[in-house]
C-alpha atoms as a PDB file:
ATOM      1  CA  ILE A   1       2.614  -8.736  -6.043  1.00  0.00           C
ATOM      2  CA  ALA A   2       5.470  -7.781  -8.418  1.00  0.00           C
ATOM      3  CA  GLY A   3       7.247  -5.709  -7.700  1.00  0.00           C
ATOM      4  CA  SER A   4       6.059  -4.975  -4.176  1.00  0.00           C
ATOM      5  CA  ILE A   5       8.188  -4.085  -1.191  1.00  0.00           C
ATOM      6  CA  ASN A   6       6.655  -4.903   2.609  1.00  0.00           C
ATOM      7  CA  MET A   7       6.430  -2.558   4.506  1.00  0.00           C
ATOM      8  CA  PRO A   8       4.499  -2.918   8.220  1.00  0.00           C
ATOM      9  CA  MET A   9       1.927  -0.226   9.274  1.00  0.00           C
ATOM     10  CA  GLN A  10       3.707   1.684  12.535  1.00  0.00           C
ATOM     11  CA  SER A  11       6.916   1.505  10.939  1.00  0.00           C
ATOM     12  CA  VAL A  12       6.274   4.287   7.332  1.00  0.00           C
ATOM     13  CA  PRO A  13       5.564   7.699  10.021  1.00  0.00           C
ATOM     14  CA  GLN A  14       9.928   6.825  10.355  1.00  0.00           C
ATOM     15  CA  SER A  15      10.056   6.371   6.424  1.00  0.00           C
ATOM     16  CA  LEU A  16       8.663   8.653   4.692  1.00  0.00           C
ATOM     17  CA  GLU A  17      11.897   9.697   3.207  1.00  0.00           C
ATOM     18  CA  ALA A  18      12.767   6.522   1.409  1.00  0.00           C
ATOM     19  CA  ILE A  19       8.456   6.373   0.678  1.00  0.00           C
ATOM     20  CA  ARG A  20       9.357   9.859  -1.505  1.00  0.00           C
ATOM     21  CA  LYS A  21      12.599   7.727  -3.140  1.00  0.00           C
ATOM     22  CA  LEU A  22       9.922   5.086  -4.220  1.00  0.00           C
ATOM     23  CA  GLN A  23       7.131   7.427  -5.411  1.00  0.00           C
ATOM     24  CA  SER A  24       9.275   9.246  -7.684  1.00  0.00           C
ATOM     25  CA  ASP A  25       9.564   6.396  -9.388  1.00  0.00           C
ATOM     26  CA  ALA A  26       5.886   4.943  -9.435  1.00  0.00           C
ATOM     27  CA  GLU A  27       2.488   5.539  -8.055  1.00  0.00           C
ATOM     28  CA  LEU A  28       2.010   4.256  -4.580  1.00  0.00           C
ATOM     29  CA  VAL A  29      -0.636   1.145  -3.312  1.00  0.00           C
ATOM     30  CA  VAL A  30      -1.403   0.044  -0.310  1.00  0.00           C
ATOM     31  CA  ILE A  31      -2.388  -2.496   0.971  1.00  0.00           C
ATOM     32  CA  CYS A  32      -3.087  -4.779   3.744  1.00  0.00           C
ATOM     33  CA  HIS A  33      -5.309  -7.401   3.871  1.00  0.00           C
ATOM     34  CA  HIS A  34      -8.430  -6.108   3.444  1.00  0.00           C
ATOM     35  CA  GLY A  35      -8.057  -2.434   2.751  1.00  0.00           C
ATOM     36  CA  ALA A  36      -8.964  -0.794   6.202  1.00  0.00           C
ATOM     37  CA  ARG A  37      -5.562  -0.708   8.055  1.00  0.00           C
ATOM     38  CA  SER A  38      -4.256   0.492   4.794  1.00  0.00           C
ATOM     39  CA  MET A  39      -6.606   3.117   3.901  1.00  0.00           C
ATOM     40  CA  TYR A  40      -5.460   4.881   7.320  1.00  0.00           C
ATOM     41  CA  VAL A  41      -1.956   4.466   5.874  1.00  0.00           C
ATOM     42  CA  ALA A  42      -2.900   6.456   2.541  1.00  0.00           C
ATOM     43  CA  GLN A  43      -4.942   8.677   4.386  1.00  0.00           C
ATOM     44  CA  PHE A  44      -1.785   9.769   6.470  1.00  0.00           C
ATOM     45  CA  LEU A  45       0.372   9.353   3.899  1.00  0.00           C
ATOM     46  CA  GLN A  46      -2.028  11.626   1.904  1.00  0.00           C
ATOM     47  CA  HIS A  47      -1.570  14.800   5.148  1.00  0.00           C
ATOM     48  CA  GLN A  48       1.864  14.604   4.937  1.00  0.00           C
ATOM     49  CA  GLY A  49       2.066  14.976   1.000  1.00  0.00           C
ATOM     50  CA  PHE A  50       1.825  12.247  -0.995  1.00  0.00           C
ATOM     51  CA  ASP A  51      -0.492  12.977  -3.783  1.00  0.00           C
ATOM     52  CA  ASP A  52       0.181  10.224  -6.415  1.00  0.00           C
ATOM     53  CA  LEU A  53      -0.806   7.293  -4.202  1.00  0.00           C
ATOM     54  CA  ILE A  54      -3.821   4.374  -4.188  1.00  0.00           C
ATOM     55  CA  ASN A  55      -5.730   2.367  -0.915  1.00  0.00           C
ATOM     56  CA  LEU A  56      -6.325  -0.981  -2.730  1.00  0.00           C
ATOM     57  CA  ARG A  57      -9.925  -1.512  -1.255  1.00  0.00           C
ATOM     58  CA  GLY A  58     -10.163  -5.214  -0.524  1.00  0.00           C
ATOM     59  CA  GLY A  59      -6.943  -5.555  -0.166  1.00  0.00           C
ATOM     60  CA  ILE A  60      -5.273  -8.349  -0.993  1.00  0.00           C
ATOM     61  CA  ASP A  61      -7.531 -11.267   0.569  1.00  0.00           C
ATOM     62  CA  ALA A  62      -9.472  -9.024  -2.609  1.00  0.00           C
ATOM     63  CA  TRP A  63      -7.194  -8.789  -5.667  1.00  0.00           C
ATOM     64  CA  SER A  64      -5.955 -12.680  -4.902  1.00  0.00           C
ATOM     65  CA  ARG A  65     -10.128 -13.788  -5.453  1.00  0.00           C
ATOM     66  CA  GLN A  66     -10.635 -11.040  -8.639  1.00  0.00           C
ATOM     67  CA  VAL A  67      -7.101 -10.165 -10.425  1.00  0.00           C
ATOM     68  CA  ASP A  68      -4.825 -13.254  -9.638  1.00  0.00           C
ATOM     69  CA  PRO A  69      -5.978 -15.785  -7.835  1.00  0.00           C
ATOM     70  CA  THR A  70      -2.099 -17.432  -7.505  1.00  0.00           C
ATOM     71  CA  VAL A  71      -1.830 -14.723  -4.528  1.00  0.00           C
ATOM     72  CA  PRO A  72      -2.147 -16.449  -1.733  1.00  0.00           C
ATOM     73  CA  VAL A  73      -4.195 -15.602   0.942  1.00  0.00           C
ATOM     74  CA  TYR A  74      -3.951 -15.764   4.744  1.00  0.00           C
END
């Protein structure tokens, strides 16, 4: 997805300051393959004080099927 940044789930807790800088510029959309792991990350970020974020329900798989079929699924 254009403009996206790949950040593995396990690196999120130690990357909070970098994520705060990203959120100052734009709304955060958290994604994963099917939306389950990103839901946990979104909840974690909300508990850390982030409020302008979205979990992409259905993940990149749903995005590819429903929005942009050029995005490969894995």
